[in-house]
Amino acid sequence: MVKCMAPERKSGPWKAIGLVSAIGFELVSFTLLGFFFGRWINEKADGSSLWIGLGVLAGLAGGAFGVVVLVRKVLEGSDD
């Protein structure tokens, strides 16, 4: 009888480096998107710079949510 084995989950330093890089990229990209979106609204509405600050905060919140989803997905397959 042939046993089918599940592929091994590779862990170690490369997985940790990839996770840290992905977290940093996610936070930076969402924050920049929020900044540019807030600046765009500020230009269209001729308002104060409050829109830029709100855009940055919304980007940080979106990035934090993305990081939580990413970490849950990575930890889902680990046996630790």
N, C-alpha and C. Protein backbone atom coordinates (compact mmCIF):
# COMPACT_ATOMS: atom_id res chain seq x y z
N MET A 1 0.85 -1.17 0.00
CA MET A 1 0.00 0.00 0.00
C MET A 1 0.89 1.24 0.00
N VAL A 2 0.55 2.20 -0.82
CA VAL A 2 1.33 3.42 -0.95
C VAL A 2 0.72 4.49 -0.05
N LYS A 3 1.56 5.07 0.76
CA LYS A 3 1.10 6.14 1.65
C LYS A 3 1.37 7.49 1.00
N CYS A 4 0.38 8.33 0.98
CA CYS A 4 0.56 9.69 0.48
C CYS A 4 0.87 10.59 1.66
N MET A 5 1.97 11.23 1.56
CA MET A 5 2.37 12.12 2.65
C MET A 5 2.11 13.56 2.25
N ALA A 6 1.68 14.32 3.20
CA ALA A 6 1.46 15.75 2.96
C ALA A 6 2.81 16.44 2.79
N PRO A 7 2.86 17.45 1.93
CA PRO A 7 4.14 18.16 1.79
C PRO A 7 4.55 18.83 3.08
N GLU A 8 5.84 18.83 3.32
CA GLU A 8 6.36 19.42 4.55
C GLU A 8 6.21 20.93 4.51
N ARG A 9 5.83 21.48 5.63
CA ARG A 9 5.81 22.94 5.78
C ARG A 9 7.21 23.37 6.15
N LYS A 10 7.77 24.24 5.36
CA LYS A 10 9.11 24.70 5.66
C LYS A 10 9.04 25.88 6.60
N SER A 11 9.81 25.79 7.65
CA SER A 11 9.89 26.90 8.59
C SER A 11 11.36 27.19 8.82
N GLY A 12 11.59 28.26 9.46
CA GLY A 12 12.97 28.61 9.72
C GLY A 12 13.19 30.08 9.46
N PRO A 13 14.45 30.44 9.27
CA PRO A 13 14.76 31.86 9.13
C PRO A 13 14.18 32.49 7.87
N TRP A 14 14.10 31.75 6.77
CA TRP A 14 13.58 32.34 5.53
C TRP A 14 12.09 32.64 5.64
N LYS A 15 11.37 31.79 6.33
CA LYS A 15 9.95 32.05 6.53
C LYS A 15 9.75 33.29 7.41
N ALA A 16 10.58 33.43 8.43
CA ALA A 16 10.49 34.59 9.31
C ALA A 16 10.86 35.87 8.56
N ILE A 17 11.90 35.80 7.73
CA ILE A 17 12.30 36.97 6.95
C ILE A 17 11.20 37.37 5.98
N GLY A 18 10.59 36.38 5.34
CA GLY A 18 9.49 36.66 4.43
C GLY A 18 8.30 37.29 5.12
N LEU A 19 7.98 36.80 6.31
CA LEU A 19 6.85 37.34 7.06
C LEU A 19 7.10 38.78 7.49
N VAL A 20 8.29 39.05 7.98
CA VAL A 20 8.62 40.42 8.41
C VAL A 20 8.62 41.37 7.22
N SER A 21 9.13 40.92 6.09
CA SER A 21 9.12 41.75 4.88
C SER A 21 7.70 42.02 4.42
N ALA A 22 6.86 41.00 4.44
CA ALA A 22 5.47 41.18 4.01
C ALA A 22 4.72 42.12 4.94
N ILE A 23 4.97 42.03 6.23
CA ILE A 23 4.32 42.93 7.20
C ILE A 23 4.74 44.37 6.93
N GLY A 24 6.03 44.60 6.73
CA GLY A 24 6.52 45.94 6.45
C GLY A 24 5.95 46.50 5.16
N PHE A 25 5.94 45.68 4.12
CA PHE A 25 5.40 46.12 2.83
C PHE A 25 3.92 46.45 2.94
N GLU A 26 3.19 45.63 3.66
CA GLU A 26 1.75 45.85 3.81
C GLU A 26 1.46 47.17 4.54
N LEU A 27 2.16 47.41 5.64
CA LEU A 27 1.93 48.65 6.38
C LEU A 27 2.32 49.89 5.57
N VAL A 28 3.46 49.83 4.92
CA VAL A 28 3.92 50.98 4.14
C VAL A 28 3.00 51.25 2.97
N SER A 29 2.62 50.21 2.24
CA SER A 29 1.80 50.43 1.06
C SER A 29 0.41 50.97 1.41
N PHE A 30 -0.22 50.42 2.45
CA PHE A 30 -1.53 50.92 2.84
C PHE A 30 -1.46 52.35 3.37
N THR A 31 -0.41 52.67 4.12
CA THR A 31 -0.25 54.02 4.64
C THR A 31 -0.04 55.02 3.51
N LEU A 32 0.78 54.66 2.53
CA LEU A 32 0.98 55.55 1.39
C LEU A 32 -0.29 55.72 0.57
N LEU A 33 -1.03 54.64 0.38
CA LEU A 33 -2.31 54.75 -0.33
C LEU A 33 -3.26 55.68 0.40
N GLY A 34 -3.31 55.56 1.72
CA GLY A 34 -4.15 56.45 2.51
C GLY A 34 -3.71 57.89 2.42
N PHE A 35 -2.40 58.12 2.41
CA PHE A 35 -1.87 59.48 2.29
C PHE A 35 -2.26 60.10 0.95
N PHE A 36 -2.04 59.36 -0.14
CA PHE A 36 -2.35 59.90 -1.46
C PHE A 36 -3.85 60.09 -1.67
N PHE A 37 -4.64 59.18 -1.13
CA PHE A 37 -6.09 59.33 -1.22
C PHE A 37 -6.56 60.55 -0.42
N GLY A 38 -6.01 60.74 0.77
CA GLY A 38 -6.36 61.92 1.57
C GLY A 38 -5.92 63.21 0.91
N ARG A 39 -4.76 63.19 0.28
CA ARG A 39 -4.29 64.38 -0.44
C ARG A 39 -5.19 64.68 -1.65
N TRP A 40 -5.63 63.61 -2.33
CA TRP A 40 -6.51 63.80 -3.47
C TRP A 40 -7.85 64.41 -3.04
N ILE A 41 -8.41 63.91 -1.93
CA ILE A 41 -9.67 64.47 -1.42
C ILE A 41 -9.45 65.92 -0.99
N ASN A 42 -8.32 66.20 -0.38
CA ASN A 42 -8.00 67.55 0.06
C ASN A 42 -7.96 68.53 -1.12
N GLU A 43 -7.38 68.08 -2.23
CA GLU A 43 -7.33 68.94 -3.41
C GLU A 43 -8.71 69.14 -4.03
N LYS A 44 -9.53 68.12 -4.04
CA LYS A 44 -10.87 68.21 -4.63
C LYS A 44 -11.81 69.04 -3.77
N ALA A 45 -11.68 68.92 -2.46
CA ALA A 45 -12.60 69.60 -1.55
C ALA A 45 -12.11 70.98 -1.12
N ASP A 46 -10.89 71.32 -1.47
CA ASP A 46 -10.28 72.58 -1.04
C ASP A 46 -10.43 72.78 0.46
N GLY A 47 -10.17 71.73 1.20
CA GLY A 47 -10.33 71.77 2.65
C GLY A 47 -9.00 71.87 3.36
N SER A 48 -9.08 71.61 4.61
CA SER A 48 -7.86 71.65 5.42
C SER A 48 -7.08 70.35 5.24
N SER A 49 -5.95 70.29 5.86
CA SER A 49 -5.11 69.10 5.76
C SER A 49 -5.63 67.95 6.62
N LEU A 50 -6.79 68.13 7.18
CA LEU A 50 -7.40 67.08 7.98
C LEU A 50 -7.62 65.82 7.16
N TRP A 51 -7.94 65.97 5.89
CA TRP A 51 -8.18 64.81 5.03
C TRP A 51 -6.93 63.95 4.87
N ILE A 52 -5.79 64.60 4.83
CA ILE A 52 -4.54 63.84 4.70
C ILE A 52 -4.31 63.00 5.96
N GLY A 53 -4.52 63.60 7.11
CA GLY A 53 -4.37 62.87 8.37
C GLY A 53 -5.35 61.73 8.48
N LEU A 54 -6.59 61.97 8.09
CA LEU A 54 -7.58 60.90 8.13
C LEU A 54 -7.25 59.78 7.15
N GLY A 55 -6.70 60.16 5.99
CA GLY A 55 -6.29 59.15 5.02
C GLY A 55 -5.16 58.28 5.54
N VAL A 56 -4.19 58.91 6.20
CA VAL A 56 -3.07 58.16 6.77
C VAL A 56 -3.57 57.22 7.87
N LEU A 57 -4.46 57.71 8.72
CA LEU A 57 -5.00 56.85 9.79
C LEU A 57 -5.81 55.69 9.21
N ALA A 58 -6.59 55.96 8.17
CA ALA A 58 -7.35 54.89 7.53
C ALA A 58 -6.41 53.88 6.88
N GLY A 59 -5.32 54.37 6.29
CA GLY A 59 -4.33 53.47 5.70
C GLY A 59 -3.65 52.61 6.75
N LEU A 60 -3.33 53.20 7.89
CA LEU A 60 -2.73 52.42 8.98
C LEU A 60 -3.69 51.36 9.50
N ALA A 61 -4.96 51.72 9.61
CA ALA A 61 -5.95 50.75 10.08
C ALA A 61 -6.10 49.62 9.07
N GLY A 62 -6.15 49.95 7.79
CA GLY A 62 -6.24 48.92 6.76
C GLY A 62 -5.01 48.03 6.74
N GLY A 63 -3.84 48.64 6.91
CA GLY A 63 -2.61 47.86 6.97
C GLY A 63 -2.55 46.95 8.17
N ALA A 64 -3.01 47.43 9.31
CA ALA A 64 -3.02 46.60 10.52
C ALA A 64 -3.96 45.41 10.34
N PHE A 65 -5.11 45.66 9.73
CA PHE A 65 -6.04 44.56 9.47
C PHE A 65 -5.41 43.54 8.51
N GLY A 66 -4.72 44.04 7.49
CA GLY A 66 -4.05 43.14 6.55
C GLY A 66 -2.96 42.33 7.21
N VAL A 67 -2.24 42.93 8.14
CA VAL A 67 -1.19 42.22 8.87
C VAL A 67 -1.79 41.11 9.73
N VAL A 68 -2.91 41.39 10.38
CA VAL A 68 -3.56 40.38 11.21
C VAL A 68 -3.99 39.19 10.34
N VAL A 69 -4.57 39.47 9.19
CA VAL A 69 -4.98 38.40 8.28
C VAL A 69 -3.77 37.61 7.80
N LEU A 70 -2.69 38.29 7.46
CA LEU A 70 -1.48 37.63 6.99
C LEU A 70 -0.87 36.74 8.06
N VAL A 71 -0.76 37.24 9.27
CA VAL A 71 -0.17 36.45 10.36
C VAL A 71 -1.04 35.24 10.69
N ARG A 72 -2.35 35.42 10.68
CA ARG A 72 -3.23 34.27 10.93
C ARG A 72 -3.05 33.20 9.87
N LYS A 73 -2.91 33.62 8.62
CA LYS A 73 -2.74 32.66 7.54
C LYS A 73 -1.42 31.92 7.67
N VAL A 74 -0.37 32.62 8.07
CA VAL A 74 0.95 31.97 8.23
C VAL A 74 0.93 31.03 9.43
N LEU A 75 0.33 31.45 10.53
CA LEU A 75 0.32 30.61 11.72
C LEU A 75 -0.67 29.45 11.63
N GLU A 76 -1.59 29.54 10.69
CA GLU A 76 -2.58 28.48 10.51
C GLU A 76 -1.92 27.13 10.19
N GLY A 77 -0.86 27.16 9.43
CA GLY A 77 -0.22 25.92 9.01
C GLY A 77 0.89 25.46 9.94
N SER A 78 1.21 26.21 10.96
CA SER A 78 2.31 25.80 11.83
C SER A 78 1.78 24.90 12.96
N ASP A 79 2.67 24.07 13.45
CA ASP A 79 2.31 23.14 14.52
C ASP A 79 2.68 23.68 15.89
N ASP A 80 3.24 24.86 15.94
CA ASP A 80 3.71 25.43 17.22
C ASP A 80 2.58 25.92 18.05
